[in-house]
Amino acid sequence: MKTEKRIDELLEQCGACSGEQEHGTQDGNQGDGEARMAKSDLFNIADNAKMLHDMLDDSYPLDDWAEAKITKAADYIRSVFQYVKYEVERDGEQPEGQEHTKIYIATDPRTLGL
Protein backbone atom coordinates (compact mmCIF):
# COMPACT_ATOMS: atom_id res chain seq x y z
CA MET A 1 0.00 0.00 0.00
CA LYS A 2 1.39 3.40 -1.01
CA THR A 3 0.45 5.05 2.29
CA GLU A 4 2.25 2.38 4.31
CA LYS A 5 5.42 2.86 2.25
CA ARG A 6 5.27 6.64 2.85
CA ILE A 7 4.78 6.10 6.59
CA ASP A 8 7.79 3.78 6.64
CA GLU A 9 9.86 6.41 4.80
CA LEU A 10 8.82 9.13 7.25
CA LEU A 11 9.58 6.99 10.26
CA GLU A 12 12.99 6.07 8.88
CA GLN A 13 13.82 9.78 8.38
CA CYS A 14 13.22 10.40 12.07
CA GLY A 15 16.50 9.57 13.84
CA ALA A 16 14.76 9.23 17.21
CA CYS A 17 12.39 6.65 15.76
CA SER A 18 15.14 4.45 14.40
CA GLY A 19 17.14 4.53 17.64
CA GLU A 20 19.96 6.67 16.27
CA GLN A 21 21.52 8.94 18.86
CA GLU A 22 24.06 11.71 18.67
CA HIS A 23 26.95 11.46 21.09
CA GLY A 24 28.61 14.49 22.58
CA THR A 25 31.93 14.96 24.31
CA GLN A 26 32.77 13.26 27.61
CA ASP A 27 31.20 16.09 29.61
CA GLY A 28 27.96 15.69 27.66
CA ASN A 29 28.28 18.92 25.67
CA GLN A 30 27.91 18.94 21.93
CA GLY A 31 30.42 20.65 19.67
CA ASP A 32 29.88 23.89 17.77
CA GLY A 33 26.91 23.87 15.43
CA GLU A 34 25.14 21.01 17.17
CA ALA A 35 22.21 23.23 18.19
CA ARG A 36 21.84 24.32 14.57
CA MET A 37 21.80 20.68 13.47
CA ALA A 38 19.29 19.82 16.20
CA LYS A 39 17.04 22.68 15.07
CA SER A 40 17.20 21.35 11.53
CA ASP A 41 16.26 17.88 12.77
CA LEU A 42 13.42 19.34 14.85
CA PHE A 43 12.11 21.21 11.82
CA ASN A 44 12.15 17.98 9.78
CA ILE A 45 10.48 16.02 12.59
CA ALA A 46 7.72 18.62 12.87
CA ASP A 47 7.26 18.72 9.10
CA ASN A 48 7.12 14.92 8.82
CA ALA A 49 4.81 14.67 11.83
CA LYS A 50 2.42 17.17 10.25
CA MET A 51 2.39 15.28 6.94
CA LEU A 52 1.89 11.97 8.74
CA HIS A 53 -0.90 13.46 10.84
CA ASP A 54 -2.63 14.69 7.69
CA MET A 55 -2.22 11.29 5.99
CA LEU A 56 -3.92 9.36 8.77
CA ASP A 57 -7.60 9.38 9.47
CA ASP A 58 -9.13 8.09 12.70
CA SER A 59 -9.97 4.72 11.17
CA TYR A 60 -6.54 4.06 9.59
CA PRO A 61 -5.33 0.60 10.70
CA LEU A 62 -1.93 1.67 12.07
CA ASP A 63 0.26 -1.32 12.92
CA ASP A 64 1.33 -1.72 16.55
CA TRP A 65 5.02 -1.26 15.69
CA ALA A 66 4.30 2.05 13.93
CA GLU A 67 2.21 3.36 16.82
CA ALA A 68 5.00 2.35 19.22
CA LYS A 69 7.56 4.28 17.15
CA ILE A 70 5.36 7.40 17.20
CA THR A 71 4.91 7.09 20.96
CA LYS A 72 8.66 6.64 21.48
CA ALA A 73 9.48 9.64 19.27
CA ALA A 74 7.00 11.80 21.21
CA ASP A 75 8.55 10.66 24.49
CA TYR A 76 12.08 11.43 23.25
CA ILE A 77 11.10 14.93 22.11
CA ARG A 78 9.25 15.58 25.38
CA SER A 79 12.29 14.44 27.40
CA VAL A 80 14.69 16.73 25.55
CA PHE A 81 12.25 19.64 25.82
CA GLN A 82 11.90 19.20 29.57
CA TYR A 83 15.68 18.94 30.00
CA VAL A 84 16.42 22.07 27.95
CA LYS A 85 13.59 23.98 29.64
CA TYR A 86 15.01 23.09 33.06
CA GLU A 87 18.54 24.08 32.04
CA VAL A 88 17.36 27.42 30.63
CA GLU A 89 15.28 28.22 33.70
CA ARG A 90 18.05 27.09 36.08
CA ASP A 91 20.60 29.31 34.37
CA GLY A 92 18.18 32.24 34.37
CA GLU A 93 18.31 32.57 30.59
CA GLN A 94 15.23 33.75 28.76
CA PRO A 95 14.35 31.82 25.63
CA GLU A 96 14.52 33.92 22.50
CA GLY A 97 11.20 35.57 21.71
CA GLN A 98 9.22 33.98 24.55
CA GLU A 99 7.03 32.29 21.94
CA HIS A 100 6.05 28.70 22.50
CA THR A 101 5.01 26.22 19.87
CA LYS A 102 3.28 22.99 20.79
CA ILE A 103 3.84 19.98 18.59
CA TYR A 104 1.53 17.04 19.12
CA ILE A 105 2.48 13.65 17.83
CA ALA A 106 -0.34 11.27 18.56
CA THR A 107 -2.77 8.92 16.94
CA ASP A 108 -5.47 9.14 19.60
CA PRO A 109 -7.47 12.40 19.92
CA ARG A 110 -7.65 11.81 23.69
CA THR A 111 -3.89 12.37 23.96
CA LEU A 112 -4.35 15.73 22.29
CA GLY A 113 -6.90 16.83 24.88
CA LEU A 114 -9.70 16.94 22.30
C-alpha atoms as a PDB file:
ATOM      1  CA  MET A   1       0.000   0.000   0.000  1.00  0.00           C
ATOM      2  CA  LYS A   2       1.388   3.399  -1.014  1.00  0.00           C
ATOM      3  CA  THR A   3       0.453   5.049   2.289  1.00  0.00           C
ATOM      4  CA  GLU A   4       2.250   2.378   4.311  1.00  0.00           C
ATOM      5  CA  LYS A   5       5.416   2.857   2.249  1.00  0.00           C
ATOM      6  CA  ARG A   6       5.271   6.636   2.852  1.00  0.00           C
ATOM      7  CA  ILE A   7       4.779   6.097   6.593  1.00  0.00           C
ATOM      8  CA  ASP A   8       7.793   3.781   6.638  1.00  0.00           C
ATOM      9  CA  GLU A   9       9.861   6.409   4.805  1.00  0.00           C
ATOM     10  CA  LEU A  10       8.824   9.133   7.250  1.00  0.00           C
ATOM     11  CA  LEU A  11       9.584   6.986  10.263  1.00  0.00           C
ATOM     12  CA  GLU A  12      12.995   6.075   8.877  1.00  0.00           C
ATOM     13  CA  GLN A  13      13.815   9.782   8.380  1.00  0.00           C
ATOM     14  CA  CYS A  14      13.218  10.397  12.068  1.00  0.00           C
ATOM     15  CA  GLY A  15      16.499   9.570  13.839  1.00  0.00           C
ATOM     16  CA  ALA A  16      14.758   9.231  17.210  1.00  0.00           C
ATOM     17  CA  CYS A  17      12.391   6.653  15.758  1.00  0.00           C
ATOM     18  CA  SER A  18      15.140   4.449  14.398  1.00  0.00           C
ATOM     19  CA  GLY A  19      17.139   4.527  17.635  1.00  0.00           C
ATOM     20  CA  GLU A  20      19.957   6.672  16.270  1.00  0.00           C
ATOM     21  CA  GLN A  21      21.516   8.941  18.859  1.00  0.00           C
ATOM     22  CA  GLU A  22      24.058  11.705  18.669  1.00  0.00           C
ATOM     23  CA  HIS A  23      26.947  11.456  21.090  1.00  0.00           C
ATOM     24  CA  GLY A  24      28.612  14.491  22.582  1.00  0.00           C
ATOM     25  CA  THR A  25      31.927  14.961  24.307  1.00  0.00           C
ATOM     26  CA  GLN A  26      32.773  13.260  27.606  1.00  0.00           C
ATOM     27  CA  ASP A  27      31.200  16.094  29.613  1.00  0.00           C
ATOM     28  CA  GLY A  28      27.955  15.692  27.660  1.00  0.00           C
ATOM     29  CA  ASN A  29      28.284  18.924  25.673  1.00  0.00           C
ATOM     30  CA  GLN A  30      27.912  18.938  21.929  1.00  0.00           C
ATOM     31  CA  GLY A  31      30.419  20.654  19.666  1.00  0.00           C
ATOM     32  CA  ASP A  32      29.877  23.891  17.771  1.00  0.00           C
ATOM     33  CA  GLY A  33      26.914  23.867  15.429  1.00  0.00           C
ATOM     34  CA  GLU A  34      25.135  21.006  17.166  1.00  0.00           C
ATOM     35  CA  ALA A  35      22.208  23.234  18.194  1.00  0.00           C
ATOM     36  CA  ARG A  36      21.838  24.322  14.572  1.00  0.00           C
ATOM     37  CA  MET A  37      21.801  20.679  13.474  1.00  0.00           C
ATOM     38  CA  ALA A  38      19.289  19.822  16.198  1.00  0.00           C
ATOM     39  CA  LYS A  39      17.044  22.678  15.075  1.00  0.00           C
ATOM     40  CA  SER A  40      17.200  21.355  11.528  1.00  0.00           C
ATOM     41  CA  ASP A  41      16.265  17.877  12.766  1.00  0.00           C
ATOM     42  CA  LEU A  42      13.420  19.336  14.845  1.00  0.00           C
ATOM     43  CA  PHE A  43      12.107  21.206  11.825  1.00  0.00           C
ATOM     44  CA  ASN A  44      12.145  17.984   9.785  1.00  0.00           C
ATOM     45  CA  ILE A  45      10.482  16.017  12.592  1.00  0.00           C
ATOM     46  CA  ALA A  46       7.718  18.624  12.872  1.00  0.00           C
ATOM     47  CA  ASP A  47       7.261  18.725   9.097  1.00  0.00           C
ATOM     48  CA  ASN A  48       7.120  14.924   8.819  1.00  0.00           C
ATOM     49  CA  ALA A  49       4.811  14.667  11.828  1.00  0.00           C
ATOM     50  CA  LYS A  50       2.419  17.174  10.250  1.00  0.00           C
ATOM     51  CA  MET A  51       2.393  15.282   6.942  1.00  0.00           C
ATOM     52  CA  LEU A  52       1.889  11.967   8.742  1.00  0.00           C
ATOM     53  CA  HIS A  53      -0.898  13.464  10.845  1.00  0.00           C
ATOM     54  CA  ASP A  54      -2.630  14.692   7.695  1.00  0.00           C
ATOM     55  CA  MET A  55      -2.225  11.290   5.988  1.00  0.00           C
ATOM     56  CA  LEU A  56      -3.920   9.356   8.768  1.00  0.00           C
ATOM     57  CA  ASP A  57      -7.605   9.376   9.468  1.00  0.00           C
ATOM     58  CA  ASP A  58      -9.128   8.092  12.704  1.00  0.00           C
ATOM     59  CA  SER A  59      -9.968   4.720  11.175  1.00  0.00           C
ATOM     60  CA  TYR A  60      -6.543   4.057   9.593  1.00  0.00           C
ATOM     61  CA  PRO A  61      -5.329   0.601  10.705  1.00  0.00           C
ATOM     62  CA  LEU A  62      -1.925   1.666  12.068  1.00  0.00           C
ATOM     63  CA  ASP A  63       0.265  -1.318  12.921  1.00  0.00           C
ATOM     64  CA  ASP A  64       1.331  -1.718  16.545  1.00  0.00           C
ATOM     65  CA  TRP A  65       5.023  -1.264  15.694  1.00  0.00           C
ATOM     66  CA  ALA A  66       4.303   2.050  13.928  1.00  0.00           C
ATOM     67  CA  GLU A  67       2.211   3.356  16.820  1.00  0.00           C
ATOM     68  CA  ALA A  68       4.997   2.349  19.224  1.00  0.00           C
ATOM     69  CA  LYS A  69       7.557   4.277  17.146  1.00  0.00           C
ATOM     70  CA  ILE A  70       5.364   7.396  17.204  1.00  0.00           C
ATOM     71  CA  THR A  71       4.914   7.087  20.961  1.00  0.00           C
ATOM     72  CA  LYS A  72       8.657   6.635  21.477  1.00  0.00           C
ATOM     73  CA  ALA A  73       9.479   9.637  19.270  1.00  0.00           C
ATOM     74  CA  ALA A  74       6.996  11.796  21.209  1.00  0.00           C
ATOM     75  CA  ASP A  75       8.552  10.659  24.486  1.00  0.00           C
ATOM     76  CA  TYR A  76      12.077  11.429  23.252  1.00  0.00           C
ATOM     77  CA  ILE A  77      11.096  14.926  22.109  1.00  0.00           C
ATOM     78  CA  ARG A  78       9.247  15.584  25.377  1.00  0.00           C
ATOM     79  CA  SER A  79      12.290  14.437  27.404  1.00  0.00           C
ATOM     80  CA  VAL A  80      14.689  16.734  25.552  1.00  0.00           C
ATOM     81  CA  PHE A  81      12.246  19.644  25.818  1.00  0.00           C
ATOM     82  CA  GLN A  82      11.904  19.198  29.574  1.00  0.00           C
ATOM     83  CA  TYR A  83      15.679  18.938  29.997  1.00  0.00           C
ATOM     84  CA  VAL A  84      16.420  22.073  27.953  1.00  0.00           C
ATOM     85  CA  LYS A  85      13.589  23.979  29.643  1.00  0.00           C
ATOM     86  CA  TYR A  86      15.006  23.092  33.057  1.00  0.00           C
ATOM     87  CA  GLU A  87      18.542  24.080  32.042  1.00  0.00           C
ATOM     88  CA  VAL A  88      17.360  27.423  30.627  1.00  0.00           C
ATOM     89  CA  GLU A  89      15.279  28.217  33.703  1.00  0.00           C
ATOM     90  CA  ARG A  90      18.050  27.093  36.076  1.00  0.00           C
ATOM     91  CA  ASP A  91      20.600  29.305  34.365  1.00  0.00           C
ATOM     92  CA  GLY A  92      18.180  32.236  34.366  1.00  0.00           C
ATOM     93  CA  GLU A  93      18.306  32.568  30.589  1.00  0.00           C
ATOM     94  CA  GLN A  94      15.228  33.751  28.764  1.00  0.00           C
ATOM     95  CA  PRO A  95      14.350  31.820  25.628  1.00  0.00           C
ATOM     96  CA  GLU A  96      14.519  33.916  22.497  1.00  0.00           C
ATOM     97  CA  GLY A  97      11.197  35.565  21.706  1.00  0.00           C
ATOM     98  CA  GLN A  98       9.220  33.977  24.546  1.00  0.00           C
ATOM     99  CA  GLU A  99       7.026  32.286  21.940  1.00  0.00           C
ATOM    100  CA  HIS A 100       6.054  28.695  22.497  1.00  0.00           C
ATOM    101  CA  THR A 101       5.011  26.218  19.866  1.00  0.00           C
ATOM    102  CA  LYS A 102       3.276  22.993  20.789  1.00  0.00           C
ATOM    103  CA  ILE A 103       3.838  19.976  18.589  1.00  0.00           C
ATOM    104  CA  TYR A 104       1.531  17.043  19.121  1.00  0.00           C
ATOM    105  CA  ILE A 105       2.481  13.648  17.830  1.00  0.00           C
ATOM    106  CA  ALA A 106      -0.339  11.268  18.560  1.00  0.00           C
ATOM    107  CA  THR A 107      -2.774   8.916  16.940  1.00  0.00           C
ATOM    108  CA  ASP A 108      -5.475   9.139  19.600  1.00  0.00           C
ATOM    109  CA  PRO A 109      -7.472  12.396  19.919  1.00  0.00           C
ATOM    110  CA  ARG A 110      -7.654  11.815  23.694  1.00  0.00           C
ATOM    111  CA  THR A 111      -3.888  12.369  23.962  1.00  0.00           C
ATOM    112  CA  LEU A 112      -4.354  15.732  22.287  1.00  0.00           C
ATOM    113  CA  GLY A 113      -6.901  16.826  24.880  1.00  0.00           C
ATOM    114  CA  LEU A 114      -9.699  16.936  22.299  1.00  0.00           C
END
